[in-house]
Amino acid sequence: MPKINVVDKQGKIIEAIELADSVFGIKPNTVVMHMAVVNYLANQRQGTQSTLTRSEVSGGGRKPWRQKGTGHARQGSIRAPQWRHGGIALGPKPRDYSYSLTKKTKRLAMKSAFSSKVLSNELVVLNELKLEEYKTKNIVEVLKGLEINSKALIVLPEVDRITAKSANNIKGIKTAYVNTLNVYDILNYDKLIIIKKAVAKIEEVYA
């Protein structure tokens, strides 16, 4: 079992805990993680882009000139794709880009993401993070104590609006809950800060 130190808000080591091998100690599967990231990004696409076809643009109700004898190429409408202000041929239309992965694939991708953070020493376990008031300065002080100067994802064990709103004002810092975690966010942020209680919940869900 991989071991990791639990630190307080000042970055001082309080204790060492063992992480579940089945969640934090597997060999990361890069292919599956890539699949999960591509799936996440595809599901985020709105798919609202749209262009007008020749049947949707205005004008072009009559044939611009007779079929033969003019010296021009034959034309049926001034709103055909080759004309200025004509319709778009084979342009994008509103569509749904989302698709789903199997549960087994999702679980393996999450475990691989957690394990990759452990292997690269990018996982920080914080004893607790509880704020009494909405104050971004308090989160900044915690990050200073942990010596974090890069993008970081803070995983909270339960809904905590005060902490979440205080942290969201800081550029490069994002909060998430155990049930809202995804592979893209875990890999996208340089540091993964997990509250100790959240570690137990993650192991419970993915072990």
Protein backbone atom coordinates (compact mmCIF):
# COMPACT_ATOMS: atom_id res chain seq x y z
CA MET A 1 0.00 0.00 0.00
CA PRO A 2 1.32 3.48 -0.88
CA LYS A 3 1.83 5.73 2.12
CA ILE A 4 1.30 9.48 2.16
CA ASN A 5 1.72 12.19 4.77
CA VAL A 6 -1.30 14.10 6.06
CA VAL A 7 -0.53 17.79 6.56
CA ASP A 8 -2.28 20.70 8.26
CA LYS A 9 -2.98 24.17 6.85
CA GLN A 10 0.59 25.26 7.60
CA GLY A 11 2.03 22.30 5.72
CA LYS A 12 3.23 20.50 8.85
CA ILE A 13 3.08 16.70 8.80
CA ILE A 14 0.53 15.36 11.29
CA GLU A 15 0.49 11.68 10.44
CA ALA A 16 1.05 9.15 7.67
CA ILE A 17 -1.80 7.12 6.21
CA GLU A 18 -1.93 4.14 3.88
CA LEU A 19 -3.82 4.52 0.62
CA ALA A 20 -5.78 1.66 -0.92
CA ASP A 21 -3.70 -0.20 -3.51
CA SER A 22 -6.77 -0.81 -5.67
CA VAL A 23 -7.40 2.93 -6.07
CA PHE A 24 -4.11 4.78 -5.57
CA GLY A 25 -1.58 2.04 -6.27
CA ILE A 26 -2.38 0.58 -9.69
CA LYS A 27 -0.33 0.97 -12.85
CA PRO A 28 -1.90 3.95 -14.69
CA ASN A 29 -3.56 2.99 -17.96
CA THR A 30 -2.82 5.94 -20.26
CA VAL A 31 -5.07 4.66 -23.07
CA VAL A 32 -8.13 4.48 -20.82
CA MET A 33 -7.35 7.89 -19.29
CA HIS A 34 -7.15 9.36 -22.80
CA MET A 35 -10.51 7.79 -23.65
CA ALA A 36 -12.05 9.35 -20.53
CA VAL A 37 -10.65 12.81 -21.31
CA VAL A 38 -11.88 12.70 -24.93
CA ASN A 39 -15.30 11.53 -23.70
CA TYR A 40 -15.49 14.36 -21.15
CA LEU A 41 -14.57 17.02 -23.72
CA ALA A 42 -17.05 15.60 -26.25
CA ASN A 43 -19.84 15.66 -23.67
CA GLN A 44 -19.07 19.33 -22.93
CA ARG A 45 -19.66 20.37 -26.55
CA GLN A 46 -22.92 22.24 -27.05
CA GLY A 47 -23.27 21.25 -30.69
CA THR A 48 -25.27 24.40 -31.52
CA GLN A 49 -23.26 25.47 -34.58
CA SER A 50 -25.39 25.83 -37.67
CA THR A 51 -25.10 27.02 -41.28
CA LEU A 52 -27.78 27.77 -43.88
CA THR A 53 -28.22 25.43 -46.82
CA ARG A 54 -29.35 26.62 -50.27
CA SER A 55 -32.94 25.89 -49.30
CA GLU A 56 -32.70 28.15 -46.23
CA VAL A 57 -31.04 31.31 -47.59
CA SER A 58 -33.27 34.04 -48.99
CA GLY A 59 -33.61 34.72 -52.72
CA GLY A 60 -32.88 32.58 -55.73
CA GLY A 61 -36.45 31.74 -56.56
CA ARG A 62 -36.01 31.91 -60.29
CA LYS A 63 -33.46 30.71 -62.79
CA PRO A 64 -30.93 33.56 -63.37
CA TRP A 65 -30.81 33.04 -67.16
CA ARG A 66 -32.05 30.60 -69.74
CA GLN A 67 -30.41 27.22 -70.01
CA LYS A 68 -28.78 27.57 -73.46
CA GLY A 69 -27.44 30.20 -75.78
CA THR A 70 -26.05 32.76 -73.34
CA GLY A 71 -22.41 31.65 -73.23
CA HIS A 72 -22.67 31.31 -69.46
CA ALA A 73 -22.51 28.05 -67.60
CA ARG A 74 -25.99 26.75 -66.82
CA GLN A 75 -27.32 27.87 -63.45
CA GLY A 76 -30.50 26.96 -61.62
CA SER A 77 -30.34 29.49 -58.77
CA ILE A 78 -28.22 32.42 -57.60
CA ARG A 79 -28.25 30.90 -54.11
CA ALA A 80 -26.36 27.71 -55.05
CA PRO A 81 -23.18 27.11 -52.97
CA GLN A 82 -20.81 28.45 -55.64
CA TRP A 83 -22.54 31.85 -55.69
CA ARG A 84 -21.80 34.79 -53.34
CA HIS A 85 -24.41 34.79 -50.57
CA GLY A 86 -25.32 31.26 -51.59
CA GLY A 87 -26.08 28.39 -49.24
CA ILE A 88 -23.35 26.38 -47.53
CA ALA A 89 -22.73 22.89 -48.87
CA LEU A 90 -22.25 20.18 -46.24
CA GLY A 91 -21.95 22.73 -43.41
CA PRO A 92 -22.41 21.90 -39.71
CA LYS A 93 -25.88 21.52 -38.25
CA PRO A 94 -26.96 21.22 -34.58
CA ARG A 95 -26.08 17.78 -33.24
CA ASP A 96 -25.36 15.92 -30.02
CA TYR A 97 -21.69 14.97 -29.61
CA SER A 98 -22.12 13.17 -26.29
CA TYR A 99 -21.56 9.46 -25.83
CA SER A 100 -21.01 7.19 -22.85
CA LEU A 101 -18.26 4.86 -21.67
CA THR A 102 -18.80 1.60 -19.80
CA LYS A 103 -18.75 1.70 -15.99
CA LYS A 104 -15.68 -0.54 -15.95
CA THR A 105 -13.78 1.86 -18.22
CA LYS A 106 -14.78 4.89 -16.14
CA ARG A 107 -13.64 3.27 -12.90
CA LEU A 108 -10.31 2.18 -14.37
CA ALA A 109 -9.73 5.68 -15.75
CA MET A 110 -10.40 7.28 -12.35
CA LYS A 111 -8.13 4.82 -10.54
CA SER A 112 -5.41 5.42 -13.12
CA ALA A 113 -5.72 9.18 -12.67
CA PHE A 114 -5.45 8.91 -8.87
CA SER A 115 -2.48 6.54 -9.12
CA SER A 116 -0.68 8.80 -11.61
CA LYS A 117 -0.92 11.68 -9.14
CA VAL A 118 0.61 9.52 -6.39
CA LEU A 119 3.45 8.38 -8.67
CA SER A 120 4.27 11.94 -9.72
CA ASN A 121 4.10 13.27 -6.12
CA GLU A 122 1.26 15.62 -7.06
CA LEU A 123 -1.16 14.40 -4.40
CA VAL A 124 -1.55 16.34 -1.14
CA VAL A 125 -3.74 15.08 1.71
CA LEU A 126 -4.95 17.90 3.93
CA ASN A 127 -6.19 17.18 7.44
CA GLU A 128 -9.19 19.52 7.16
CA LEU A 129 -10.34 22.69 5.43
CA LYS A 130 -13.24 24.41 7.13
CA LEU A 131 -13.94 28.14 6.84
CA GLU A 132 -16.32 30.10 9.04
CA GLU A 133 -16.80 32.97 6.58
CA TYR A 134 -16.53 33.76 2.89
CA LYS A 135 -12.91 34.88 2.63
CA THR A 136 -10.59 34.17 -0.27
CA LYS A 137 -7.63 35.33 1.82
CA ASN A 138 -8.01 32.24 4.07
CA ILE A 139 -7.66 29.88 1.08
CA VAL A 140 -4.64 31.85 -0.17
CA GLU A 141 -2.97 31.39 3.23
CA VAL A 142 -3.62 27.64 3.13
CA LEU A 143 -2.10 27.38 -0.37
CA LYS A 144 0.91 29.36 0.86
CA GLY A 145 1.33 26.99 3.80
CA LEU A 146 1.22 24.03 1.42
CA GLU A 147 3.70 25.80 -0.91
CA ILE A 148 1.39 25.48 -3.91
CA ASN A 149 2.06 28.03 -6.66
CA SER A 150 0.41 26.22 -9.56
CA LYS A 151 -3.04 25.08 -10.63
CA ALA A 152 -4.70 22.96 -7.95
CA LEU A 153 -7.90 20.95 -7.56
CA ILE A 154 -9.30 20.80 -4.02
CA VAL A 155 -11.50 17.77 -3.32
CA LEU A 156 -13.99 18.32 -0.49
CA PRO A 157 -15.74 15.43 1.32
CA GLU A 158 -19.13 17.13 1.37
CA VAL A 159 -20.93 20.21 0.08
CA ASP A 160 -19.28 23.29 1.56
CA ARG A 161 -20.44 26.47 -0.17
CA ILE A 162 -18.28 28.78 1.95
CA THR A 163 -15.04 26.99 1.06
CA ALA A 164 -16.04 26.48 -2.56
CA LYS A 165 -16.97 30.12 -3.18
CA SER A 166 -13.90 31.39 -1.35
CA ALA A 167 -11.61 29.19 -3.46
CA ASN A 168 -13.30 29.85 -6.80
CA ASN A 169 -12.15 33.48 -6.74
CA ILE A 170 -8.53 32.36 -7.10
CA LYS A 171 -7.22 31.88 -10.62
CA GLY A 172 -6.15 28.30 -11.28
CA ILE A 173 -7.93 26.89 -8.21
CA LYS A 174 -11.04 24.73 -8.45
CA THR A 175 -13.06 22.79 -5.88
CA ALA A 176 -14.87 19.52 -6.43
CA TYR A 177 -16.71 16.88 -4.43
CA VAL A 178 -16.12 13.14 -4.49
CA ASN A 179 -19.24 12.58 -6.60
CA THR A 180 -18.35 15.31 -9.12
CA LEU A 181 -14.74 14.30 -9.78
CA ASN A 182 -13.69 13.50 -13.34
CA VAL A 183 -10.48 12.35 -15.00
CA TYR A 184 -10.08 15.54 -17.03
CA ASP A 185 -9.94 17.79 -13.94
CA ILE A 186 -7.64 15.43 -12.03
CA LEU A 187 -5.10 15.41 -14.87
CA ASN A 188 -5.58 19.05 -15.87
CA TYR A 189 -4.52 20.44 -12.49
CA ASP A 190 -0.89 20.27 -11.36
CA LYS A 191 -1.77 19.47 -7.74
CA LEU A 192 -4.57 17.34 -6.32
CA ILE A 193 -5.44 18.41 -2.77
CA ILE A 194 -7.76 15.92 -1.06
CA ILE A 195 -9.23 16.44 2.39
CA LYS A 196 -8.56 13.41 4.59
CA LYS A 197 -12.27 12.55 4.95
CA ALA A 198 -12.63 12.64 1.17
CA VAL A 199 -9.86 10.03 0.77
CA ALA A 200 -11.95 7.50 2.70
CA LYS A 201 -15.00 8.29 0.54
CA ILE A 202 -12.99 7.92 -2.68
CA GLU A 203 -11.69 4.53 -1.54
CA GLU A 204 -15.22 3.50 -0.60
CA VAL A 205 -16.55 4.39 -4.04
CA TYR A 206 -13.74 3.08 -6.25
CA ALA A 207 -12.12 0.26 -4.21
